[in-house]
C-alpha cells in the first residue's frame, strides 16, 4: 500500500496553491523526488518523499491543481495508484472505489526543471546564515500577508547589525508590517562571526505559498529537524523543511 499522506504532501508542496502547475516526478524504490520551478524561474523547489509508489521512473504531470483538488477531496482516505500503458495514471480510494483517471505527459515536454539539477542544494550549502523558523513566525507572517492581499508586494528579509532577523513588507504607502524571526546563526562551523547587515527582497506571495506547506514537529518528537530559513547577501532565500525538502526564492531587485 502506498503512503497516501506522503503522496498528498508531495503534490501540494509542488503545486503551492497554484504557483507551479506541472512537474516531472521520479519514482524509485527508495523514494519519490521532484525538482521544479515556476514559469518566471523565481521560485524553485527540490523535494523528496517516501511514498511507496512503485518504481515507475520519470512521470510527467500537468494541471497539478486538479490532482491536488482530488487529493483534498480524498484527504481522509487511503489511496491506491495505477499506471496504465505509460499514458494514464489512476488514483483510487481504497474503501469505496472512487477513481480519478488522467493522462500523463511526456517528461521531455515539461520544461520547468531547474538547470542544473541539484542547484537548490548548492544554494543552501552556500548560505551564510540560518534562522530557525517557528510556528509563531509562520502564523504572523501568513497573517500579515493575508491582510495585504496584494500579490505584487515584495517582502524583505533582513539581518541587522546585531544578528536579528526580520521580515518586513507592505506597499509603498501604508499597511506595512515587521515580524521578528529570531537570531541568525553562522552556518560555517569555524565562523562564529555573522556577515555584515544585509537584506534580501522576495515576492511576498511566493514566500506565503511556501510557508503554508511548512510543517513543524510535534512537541513529543525531539529528533525531527526544525524548519529553517537560509540566507546570504545577493543570493536566493531558501526555506528548508529538512535536508530533503527545500524551496529557493530568487531575489527581487527594487
Protein backbone atom coordinates (compact mmCIF):
# COMPACT_ATOMS: atom_id res chain seq x y z
CA UNK A 1 0.00 0.00 0.00
CA UNK A 2 1.28 3.47 -0.84
CA UNK A 3 1.80 6.19 1.76
CA UNK A 4 -1.21 8.35 0.91
CA UNK A 5 -0.26 11.14 3.30
CA UNK A 6 3.25 11.44 1.87
CA UNK A 7 1.95 11.49 -1.72
CA UNK A 8 -0.61 14.21 -0.93
CA UNK A 9 2.05 16.25 0.83
CA UNK A 10 4.40 15.96 -2.14
CA UNK A 11 1.85 17.13 -4.71
CA UNK A 12 0.72 20.02 -2.51
CA UNK A 13 4.32 21.12 -1.89
CA UNK A 14 4.95 21.25 -5.62
CA UNK A 15 1.68 22.95 -6.55
CA UNK A 16 1.94 25.61 -3.80
CA UNK A 17 -1.62 26.79 -4.28
CA UNK A 18 -1.10 27.42 -8.00
CA UNK A 19 2.48 28.68 -8.24
CA UNK A 20 3.63 25.59 -10.16
CA UNK A 21 1.18 23.60 -12.31
CA UNK A 22 3.39 20.94 -13.90
CA UNK A 23 6.37 18.82 -12.96
CA UNK A 24 8.30 15.62 -13.55
CA UNK A 25 8.33 13.22 -10.61
CA UNK A 26 10.85 10.40 -10.34
CA UNK A 27 9.51 7.26 -8.68
CA UNK A 28 12.22 4.90 -7.42
CA UNK A 29 12.29 2.05 -4.91
CA UNK A 30 13.74 4.36 -2.26
CA UNK A 31 11.62 7.50 -2.68
CA UNK A 32 9.79 9.90 -4.97
CA UNK A 33 11.70 13.03 -5.91
CA UNK A 34 10.96 16.20 -7.87
CA UNK A 35 12.77 19.38 -8.83
CA UNK A 36 10.73 22.15 -10.42
CA UNK A 37 10.37 25.92 -10.80
CA UNK A 38 7.65 28.38 -11.70
CA UNK A 39 7.38 29.91 -15.18
CA UNK A 40 9.30 33.03 -14.16
CA UNK A 41 12.12 30.94 -12.65
CA UNK A 42 11.73 32.98 -9.45
CA UNK A 43 10.64 30.06 -7.27
CA UNK A 44 12.49 26.73 -7.29
CA UNK A 45 11.99 23.57 -5.27
CA UNK A 46 13.65 20.26 -4.52
CA UNK A 47 11.53 17.66 -2.72
CA UNK A 48 11.70 14.04 -1.64
CA UNK A 49 9.11 11.77 -0.02
CA UNK A 50 8.95 8.05 0.71
CA UNK A 51 5.58 7.45 -0.98
CA UNK A 52 5.92 3.67 -1.54
CA UNK A 53 4.65 4.17 -5.09
CA UNK A 54 6.18 1.56 -7.45
CA UNK A 55 9.47 2.39 -9.18
CA UNK A 56 7.93 3.78 -12.37
CA UNK A 57 10.79 6.15 -13.20
CA UNK A 58 10.12 9.65 -14.56
CA UNK A 59 6.46 10.62 -15.00
CA UNK A 60 5.19 13.97 -16.27
CA UNK A 61 2.24 15.62 -14.53
CA UNK A 62 0.30 18.66 -15.77
CA UNK A 63 -2.68 20.51 -14.26
CA UNK A 64 -1.50 19.83 -10.73
CA UNK A 65 -4.39 21.91 -9.43
CA UNK A 66 -6.88 19.24 -10.48
CA UNK A 67 -4.76 16.48 -8.96
CA UNK A 68 -4.47 18.38 -5.67
CA UNK A 69 -8.21 19.06 -5.79
CA UNK A 70 -8.93 15.33 -5.91
CA UNK A 71 -6.39 14.62 -3.18
CA UNK A 72 -8.09 17.22 -0.97
CA UNK A 73 -11.47 15.59 -1.63
CA UNK A 74 -9.99 12.26 -0.51
CA UNK A 75 -7.90 13.74 2.29
CA UNK A 76 -9.16 11.31 4.94
CA UNK A 77 -8.97 8.20 2.76
CA UNK A 78 -6.32 5.65 1.88
CA UNK A 79 -5.37 5.73 -1.80
CA UNK A 80 -4.11 3.29 -4.37
CA UNK A 81 -2.40 4.22 -7.65
CA UNK A 82 -2.16 2.55 -11.02
CA UNK A 83 -0.25 3.35 -14.21
CA UNK A 84 -1.78 2.18 -17.49
CA UNK A 85 0.06 1.94 -20.83
CA UNK A 86 2.62 4.59 -19.84
CA UNK A 87 -0.02 7.24 -20.53
CA UNK A 88 -2.65 7.03 -17.81
CA UNK A 89 -2.35 7.47 -14.06
CA UNK A 90 -5.22 6.45 -11.82
CA UNK A 91 -5.88 7.34 -8.20
CA UNK A 92 -8.35 5.06 -6.42
CA UNK A 93 -9.80 5.32 -2.94
CA UNK A 94 -9.29 2.01 -1.16
CA UNK A 95 -12.55 1.97 0.81
CA UNK A 96 -15.22 2.83 -1.76
CA UNK A 97 -13.59 2.70 -5.20
CA UNK A 98 -13.73 6.37 -6.19
CA UNK A 99 -11.29 6.91 -9.07
CA UNK A 100 -9.57 9.84 -10.74
CA UNK A 101 -8.04 8.95 -14.10
CA UNK A 102 -5.87 11.38 -16.08
CA UNK A 103 -3.31 11.42 -18.86
CA UNK A 104 0.38 11.64 -18.13
CA UNK A 105 2.64 13.95 -20.12
CA UNK A 106 5.92 13.07 -21.75
CA UNK A 107 8.63 14.18 -19.30
CA UNK A 108 10.62 15.77 -22.14
CA UNK A 109 7.76 18.18 -22.84
CA UNK A 110 7.84 19.66 -19.35
CA UNK A 111 10.43 22.41 -19.26
CA UNK A 112 10.09 23.94 -15.79
CA UNK A 113 13.01 21.93 -14.41
CA UNK A 114 15.97 23.74 -12.80
CA UNK A 115 19.20 23.57 -14.78
CA UNK A 116 21.40 22.13 -13.48
CA UNK A 117 19.60 19.67 -11.24
CA UNK A 118 20.73 19.98 -7.65
CA UNK A 119 21.14 23.75 -7.87
CA UNK A 120 18.91 24.35 -4.82
CA UNK A 121 21.06 22.11 -2.65
CA UNK A 122 24.13 24.08 -3.76
CA UNK A 123 22.40 27.37 -2.96
CA UNK A 124 21.51 26.07 0.51
CA UNK A 125 25.04 24.81 1.13
CA UNK A 126 26.46 28.21 0.20
CA UNK A 127 24.18 30.21 2.50
CA UNK A 128 25.99 32.20 5.18
CA UNK A 129 23.33 32.25 7.93
CA UNK A 130 20.43 30.14 9.14
CA UNK A 131 17.43 31.16 11.21
CA UNK A 132 15.23 28.55 12.90
CA UNK A 133 11.65 29.01 11.77
CA UNK A 134 8.96 28.83 14.44
CA UNK A 135 5.25 28.17 14.20
CA UNK A 136 4.69 31.62 15.70
CA UNK A 137 6.72 33.30 12.95
CA UNK A 138 4.81 31.29 10.36
CA UNK A 139 1.47 32.35 11.86
CA UNK A 140 2.32 36.05 11.97
CA UNK A 141 3.85 36.19 8.51
CA UNK A 142 0.91 34.40 6.90
CA UNK A 143 -1.46 36.63 8.83
CA UNK A 144 0.25 39.81 7.66
CA UNK A 145 0.36 38.61 4.07
CA UNK A 146 -3.34 37.80 4.26
CA UNK A 147 -4.08 41.35 5.36
CA UNK A 148 -2.15 42.87 2.45
CA UNK A 149 -3.92 40.83 -0.26
CA UNK A 150 -1.60 42.16 -2.93
CA UNK A 151 0.33 39.60 -4.96
CA UNK A 152 2.79 42.21 -6.20
CA UNK A 153 4.05 43.08 -2.71
CA UNK A 154 7.73 42.41 -2.13
CA UNK A 155 8.82 41.37 1.35
CA UNK A 156 12.28 41.97 2.71
CA UNK A 157 14.25 39.51 4.77
CA UNK A 158 16.73 41.50 6.86
CA UNK A 159 19.62 40.68 9.16
CA UNK A 160 20.51 43.73 11.24
CA UNK A 161 23.94 44.50 12.67
CA UNK A 162 23.10 42.67 15.91
CA UNK A 163 22.22 39.49 14.03
CA UNK A 164 18.46 39.72 14.50
CA UNK A 165 16.35 38.59 11.54
CA UNK A 166 13.11 40.26 10.42
CA UNK A 167 10.56 40.02 7.66
CA UNK A 168 9.30 43.43 6.55
CA UNK A 169 6.72 44.16 3.89
CA UNK A 170 3.85 46.21 2.58
CA UNK A 171 3.09 48.59 -0.28
CA UNK A 172 4.84 51.92 -0.64
CA UNK A 173 2.18 53.71 1.38
CA UNK A 174 0.51 52.21 4.44
CA UNK A 175 -0.17 48.67 5.63
CA UNK A 176 3.47 47.89 6.39
CA UNK A 177 4.47 45.11 8.74
CA UNK A 178 7.59 43.95 10.53
CA UNK A 179 7.83 40.48 12.02
CA UNK A 180 10.87 39.34 14.08
CA UNK A 181 12.15 35.85 13.26
CA UNK A 182 14.91 35.40 15.82
CA UNK A 183 18.67 35.47 15.84
CA UNK A 184 20.70 34.38 12.83
CA UNK A 185 23.38 31.73 13.25
CA UNK A 186 26.53 31.50 11.09
CA UNK A 187 26.38 28.31 9.00
CA UNK A 188 30.11 27.68 8.80
CA UNK A 189 31.22 25.82 11.91
CA UNK A 190 34.56 27.62 12.01
CA UNK A 191 32.99 31.01 11.51
CA UNK A 192 31.41 32.45 14.63
CA UNK A 193 31.03 35.99 13.29
CA UNK A 194 27.92 36.93 11.33
CA UNK A 195 28.29 38.73 8.00
CA UNK A 196 27.53 42.48 7.91
CA UNK A 197 23.88 43.50 7.94
CA UNK A 198 22.09 42.66 4.69
CA UNK A 199 18.64 42.34 3.13
CA UNK A 200 17.06 40.07 0.52
CA UNK A 201 13.86 41.07 -1.30
CA UNK A 202 11.49 38.32 -2.48
CA UNK A 203 7.93 38.16 -3.77
CA UNK A 204 5.59 38.00 -0.80
CA UNK A 205 3.15 35.60 -2.44
CA UNK A 206 5.95 33.14 -3.16
CA UNK A 207 7.05 33.19 0.47
CA UNK A 208 3.45 32.89 1.63
CA UNK A 209 2.83 29.85 -0.59
CA UNK A 210 5.92 28.10 0.77
CA UNK A 211 5.22 28.89 4.41
CA UNK A 212 1.71 27.46 4.04
CA UNK A 213 3.12 23.97 3.38
CA UNK A 214 5.81 24.02 6.08
CA UNK A 215 5.14 21.59 8.93
CA UNK A 216 6.50 21.71 12.45
CA UNK A 217 7.42 18.67 14.57
CA UNK A 218 5.18 17.78 17.46
CA UNK A 219 6.44 18.52 20.94
CA UNK A 220 6.93 14.79 21.54
CA UNK A 221 9.29 14.34 18.58
CA UNK A 222 12.66 15.59 19.79
CA UNK A 223 14.61 14.21 16.81
CA UNK A 224 12.69 15.83 13.94
CA UNK A 225 14.55 18.61 12.10
CA UNK A 226 13.41 22.17 12.70
CA UNK A 227 12.45 24.18 9.59
CA UNK A 228 14.92 26.97 8.82
CA UNK A 229 15.47 29.97 6.59
CA UNK A 230 18.90 30.14 4.92
CA UNK A 231 20.22 33.39 3.51
CA UNK A 232 23.21 35.19 2.03
CA UNK A 233 23.64 38.69 0.56
CA UNK A 234 22.54 38.86 -3.10
CA UNK A 235 21.53 35.18 -3.15
CA UNK A 236 18.21 33.32 -3.22
CA UNK A 237 16.40 32.94 0.08
CA UNK A 238 15.98 29.26 0.98
CA UNK A 239 13.17 27.89 3.12
CA UNK A 240 14.17 24.44 4.33
CA UNK A 241 11.77 21.89 5.78
CA UNK A 242 14.59 19.38 6.16
CA UNK A 243 17.61 18.14 4.20
CA UNK A 244 15.36 16.59 1.53
CA UNK A 245 12.75 19.33 1.09
CA UNK A 246 13.52 22.97 0.32
CA UNK A 247 12.43 25.93 -1.76
CA UNK A 248 14.55 28.77 -3.15
CA UNK A 249 13.14 32.26 -3.76
CA UNK A 250 15.11 34.35 -6.20
CA UNK A 251 15.91 37.90 -5.01
CA UNK A 252 13.88 40.75 -6.48
CA UNK A 253 15.57 43.97 -7.49
CA UNK A 254 13.65 47.07 -6.40
